[in-house]
C-alpha atoms as a PDB file:
ATOM      1  CA  MET A   1      31.833  55.531 -68.050  1.00  0.00           C
ATOM      2  CA  LYS A   2      31.949  51.784 -68.549  1.00  0.00           C
ATOM      3  CA  SER A   3      29.664  49.588 -66.467  1.00  0.00           C
ATOM      4  CA  HIS A   4      30.796  46.132 -65.496  1.00  0.00           C
ATOM      5  CA  PRO A   5      28.273  43.333 -65.636  1.00  0.00           C
ATOM      6  CA  ARG A   6      27.341  41.956 -62.241  1.00  0.00           C
ATOM      7  CA  LYS A   7      28.679  38.487 -61.492  1.00  0.00           C
ATOM      8  CA  LYS A   8      25.748  36.103 -61.178  1.00  0.00           C
ATOM      9  CA  ALA A   9      25.231  34.017 -58.089  1.00  0.00           C
ATOM     10  CA  LYS A  10      25.273  30.234 -58.420  1.00  0.00           C
ATOM     11  CA  TRP A  11      21.493  29.936 -58.189  1.00  0.00           C
ATOM     12  CA  GLU A  12      21.070  32.561 -60.909  1.00  0.00           C
ATOM     13  CA  LYS A  13      23.391  30.729 -63.319  1.00  0.00           C
ATOM     14  CA  GLU A  14      21.516  27.462 -63.303  1.00  0.00           C
ATOM     15  CA  LYS A  15      18.571  27.785 -65.661  1.00  0.00           C
ATOM     16  CA  HIS A  16      16.617  24.764 -66.720  1.00  0.00           C
ATOM     17  CA  GLU A  17      14.446  24.597 -69.827  1.00  0.00           C
ATOM     18  CA  ASP A  18      11.544  22.986 -67.993  1.00  0.00           C
ATOM     19  CA  GLY A  19      11.130  26.011 -65.662  1.00  0.00           C
ATOM     20  CA  VAL A  20      12.542  24.242 -62.611  1.00  0.00           C
ATOM     21  CA  LYS A  21      14.725  26.617 -60.601  1.00  0.00           C
ATOM     22  CA  TRP A  22      16.704  23.987 -58.717  1.00  0.00           C
ATOM     23  CA  ARG A  23      16.989  20.220 -58.615  1.00  0.00           C
ATOM     24  CA  GLN A  24      18.622  19.529 -55.286  1.00  0.00           C
ATOM     25  CA  LEU A  25      18.046  20.601 -51.690  1.00  0.00           C
ATOM     26  CA  GLU A  26      20.678  20.007 -49.066  1.00  0.00           C
ATOM     27  CA  HIS A  27      19.391  19.917 -45.500  1.00  0.00           C
ATOM     28  CA  LYS A  28      21.581  19.286 -42.500  1.00  0.00           C
ATOM     29  CA  GLY A  29      18.703  18.408 -40.208  1.00  0.00           C
ATOM     30  CA  PRO A  30      16.806  20.371 -37.587  1.00  0.00           C
ATOM     31  CA  TYR A  31      18.612  22.427 -34.977  1.00  0.00           C
ATOM     32  CA  PHE A  32      17.498  21.820 -31.425  1.00  0.00           C
ATOM     33  CA  ALA A  33      18.317  24.502 -28.913  1.00  0.00           C
ATOM     34  CA  PRO A  34      20.296  23.279 -25.924  1.00  0.00           C
ATOM     35  CA  PRO A  35      18.314  22.696 -22.717  1.00  0.00           C
ATOM     36  CA  TYR A  36      17.649  25.815 -20.674  1.00  0.00           C
ATOM     37  CA  GLU A  37      20.269  26.563 -18.026  1.00  0.00           C
ATOM     38  CA  PRO A  38      18.734  28.307 -14.995  1.00  0.00           C
ATOM     39  CA  LEU A  39      20.138  31.665 -13.945  1.00  0.00           C
ATOM     40  CA  PRO A  40      22.787  31.742 -11.210  1.00  0.00           C
ATOM     41  CA  ASP A  41      21.435  32.294  -7.683  1.00  0.00           C
ATOM     42  CA  GLY A  42      22.801  35.854  -7.603  1.00  0.00           C
ATOM     43  CA  VAL A  43      20.648  36.921 -10.568  1.00  0.00           C
ATOM     44  CA  ARG A  44      17.169  37.756  -9.377  1.00  0.00           C
ATOM     45  CA  PHE A  45      13.846  38.865 -10.784  1.00  0.00           C
ATOM     46  CA  PHE A  46      11.899  41.500  -8.862  1.00  0.00           C
ATOM     47  CA  TYR A  47       8.196  42.246  -8.690  1.00  0.00           C
ATOM     48  CA  GLU A  48       7.087  45.424  -6.935  1.00  0.00           C
ATOM     49  CA  GLY A  49      10.637  45.792  -5.622  1.00  0.00           C
ATOM     50  CA  ARG A  50      10.697  42.350  -3.967  1.00  0.00           C
ATOM     51  CA  PRO A  51      12.661  39.359  -5.276  1.00  0.00           C
ATOM     52  CA  VAL A  52      10.453  36.601  -6.670  1.00  0.00           C
ATOM     53  CA  ARG A  53      11.695  33.071  -7.255  1.00  0.00           C
ATOM     54  CA  LEU A  54      10.367  31.905 -10.623  1.00  0.00           C
ATOM     55  CA  SER A  55       9.719  28.362 -11.795  1.00  0.00           C
ATOM     56  CA  VAL A  56      12.141  27.131 -14.445  1.00  0.00           C
ATOM     57  CA  ALA A  57       9.557  27.563 -17.231  1.00  0.00           C
ATOM     58  CA  ALA A  58       8.638  31.111 -16.153  1.00  0.00           C
ATOM     59  CA  GLU A  59      12.296  32.031 -15.642  1.00  0.00           C
ATOM     60  CA  GLU A  60      13.203  30.841 -19.136  1.00  0.00           C
ATOM     61  CA  VAL A  61      10.571  33.123 -20.668  1.00  0.00           C
ATOM     62  CA  ALA A  62      11.595  35.988 -18.354  1.00  0.00           C
ATOM     63  CA  THR A  63      15.182  35.706 -19.601  1.00  0.00           C
ATOM     64  CA  PHE A  64      13.910  36.188 -23.155  1.00  0.00           C
ATOM     65  CA  TYR A  65      12.416  39.529 -22.133  1.00  0.00           C
ATOM     66  CA  GLY A  66      15.355  40.461 -19.914  1.00  0.00           C
ATOM     67  CA  ARG A  67      17.781  40.036 -22.805  1.00  0.00           C
ATOM     68  CA  MET A  68      15.694  42.422 -24.899  1.00  0.00           C
ATOM     69  CA  LEU A  69      15.437  45.339 -22.459  1.00  0.00           C
ATOM     70  CA  ASP A  70      17.607  47.570 -24.621  1.00  0.00           C
ATOM     71  CA  HIS A  71      15.623  46.714 -27.757  1.00  0.00           C
ATOM     72  CA  GLU A  72      12.838  48.996 -28.934  1.00  0.00           C
ATOM     73  CA  TYR A  73      10.338  46.096 -28.993  1.00  0.00           C
ATOM     74  CA  THR A  74      10.057  46.274 -25.212  1.00  0.00           C
ATOM     75  CA  THR A  75       8.656  49.804 -25.549  1.00  0.00           C
ATOM     76  CA  LYS A  76       5.859  48.768 -27.912  1.00  0.00           C
ATOM     77  CA  GLU A  77       2.542  48.185 -26.167  1.00  0.00           C
ATOM     78  CA  VAL A  78       1.423  45.330 -28.451  1.00  0.00           C
ATOM     79  CA  PHE A  79       4.687  43.425 -27.927  1.00  0.00           C
ATOM     80  CA  ARG A  80       4.519  43.973 -24.153  1.00  0.00           C
ATOM     81  CA  LYS A  81       0.891  42.797 -23.980  1.00  0.00           C
ATOM     82  CA  ASN A  82       1.556  39.716 -26.126  1.00  0.00           C
ATOM     83  CA  PHE A  83       4.696  38.855 -24.178  1.00  0.00           C
ATOM     84  CA  PHE A  84       2.932  39.153 -20.826  1.00  0.00           C
ATOM     85  CA  ASN A  85      -0.017  37.020 -21.970  1.00  0.00           C
ATOM     86  CA  ASP A  86       2.335  34.321 -23.274  1.00  0.00           C
ATOM     87  CA  TRP A  87       4.537  34.500 -20.170  1.00  0.00           C
ATOM     88  CA  ARG A  88       1.537  34.048 -17.872  1.00  0.00           C
ATOM     89  CA  LYS A  89       0.738  30.788 -19.686  1.00  0.00           C
ATOM     90  CA  GLU A  90       4.146  29.443 -18.582  1.00  0.00           C
ATOM     91  CA  MET A  91       3.824  30.628 -14.979  1.00  0.00           C
ATOM     92  CA  ALA A  92       2.818  28.372 -12.125  1.00  0.00           C
ATOM     93  CA  VAL A  93      -0.535  29.189 -10.493  1.00  0.00           C
ATOM     94  CA  GLU A  94       1.241  30.785  -7.513  1.00  0.00           C
ATOM     95  CA  GLU A  95       3.288  33.003  -9.840  1.00  0.00           C
ATOM     96  CA  ARG A  96       0.164  34.129 -11.696  1.00  0.00           C
ATOM     97  CA  GLU A  97      -1.411  35.123  -8.374  1.00  0.00           C
ATOM     98  CA  VAL A  98       1.583  37.369  -7.557  1.00  0.00           C
ATOM     99  CA  ILE A  99       2.647  38.710 -10.976  1.00  0.00           C
ATOM    100  CA  LYS A 100      -0.289  40.635 -12.403  1.00  0.00           C
ATOM    101  CA  SER A 101       1.352  43.525 -14.281  1.00  0.00           C
ATOM    102  CA  LEU A 102       4.390  43.734 -16.531  1.00  0.00           C
ATOM    103  CA  ASP A 103       4.879  47.352 -15.421  1.00  0.00           C
ATOM    104  CA  LYS A 104       5.720  46.166 -11.893  1.00  0.00           C
ATOM    105  CA  CYS A 105       8.330  43.649 -13.116  1.00  0.00           C
ATOM    106  CA  ASP A 106      12.040  44.403 -12.864  1.00  0.00           C
ATOM    107  CA  PHE A 107      14.255  42.422 -15.241  1.00  0.00           C
ATOM    108  CA  THR A 108      17.336  44.598 -14.613  1.00  0.00           C
ATOM    109  CA  GLU A 109      19.524  41.918 -12.994  1.00  0.00           C
ATOM    110  CA  ILE A 110      18.621  39.411 -15.705  1.00  0.00           C
ATOM    111  CA  HIS A 111      19.484  41.956 -18.391  1.00  0.00           C
ATOM    112  CA  ARG A 112      22.768  42.886 -16.716  1.00  0.00           C
ATOM    113  CA  TYR A 113      23.719  39.195 -16.423  1.00  0.00           C
ATOM    114  CA  PHE A 114      23.368  38.649 -20.182  1.00  0.00           C
ATOM    115  CA  VAL A 115      25.096  41.937 -21.079  1.00  0.00           C
ATOM    116  CA  ASP A 116      28.062  40.953 -18.873  1.00  0.00           C
ATOM    117  CA  LYS A 117      28.091  37.442 -20.340  1.00  0.00           C
ATOM    118  CA  ALA A 118      28.168  38.841 -23.904  1.00  0.00           C
ATOM    119  CA  ALA A 119      30.968  41.264 -22.996  1.00  0.00           C
ATOM    120  CA  ALA A 120      33.016  38.406 -21.521  1.00  0.00           C
ATOM    121  CA  ARG A 121      32.518  36.395 -24.730  1.00  0.00           C
ATOM    122  CA  LYS A 122      33.692  39.311 -26.892  1.00  0.00           C
ATOM    123  CA  VAL A 123      37.148  39.389 -25.297  1.00  0.00           C
ATOM    124  CA  LEU A 124      37.769  35.677 -25.877  1.00  0.00           C
ATOM    125  CA  SER A 125      40.153  34.571 -28.604  1.00  0.00           C
ATOM    126  CA  ARG A 126      38.835  32.793 -31.686  1.00  0.00           C
ATOM    127  CA  GLU A 127      40.081  29.457 -30.320  1.00  0.00           C
ATOM    128  CA  GLU A 128      38.346  29.977 -26.971  1.00  0.00           C
ATOM    129  CA  LYS A 129      35.087  30.880 -28.725  1.00  0.00           C
ATOM    130  CA  GLN A 130      35.352  27.727 -30.836  1.00  0.00           C
ATOM    131  CA  LYS A 131      35.827  25.597 -27.703  1.00  0.00           C
ATOM    132  CA  LEU A 132      32.653  27.077 -26.220  1.00  0.00           C
ATOM    133  CA  LYS A 133      30.696  26.122 -29.342  1.00  0.00           C
ATOM    134  CA  GLU A 134      31.773  22.476 -29.068  1.00  0.00           C
END
């Protein structure tokens, strides 16, 4: 059985005698995330079964967790504890007085909103997806 030599990648081909691995770095600049867009009015967060209106900063962090509900991280106690501690730092004083336990939080509507949004994006044509990126 004959083995074929593996084709080397560009960075593997360039060898310099002085031990330098590369001589040029191309950087296209930092990427800044777009500003946060608040959730639509119909998408609510619940605490102890009651809807709670969150400040923009607290809502933004809540959406991070809501998007991850189907990920195994949200079942890990260390992740949950760290998330809740960090989230409380972004909450307004009034929110901290109400929201005292992650176990009593319900992110279901937030999660469903992002699942539906992703599903809607999947059915778009390549051209429509490109327009959304612009």
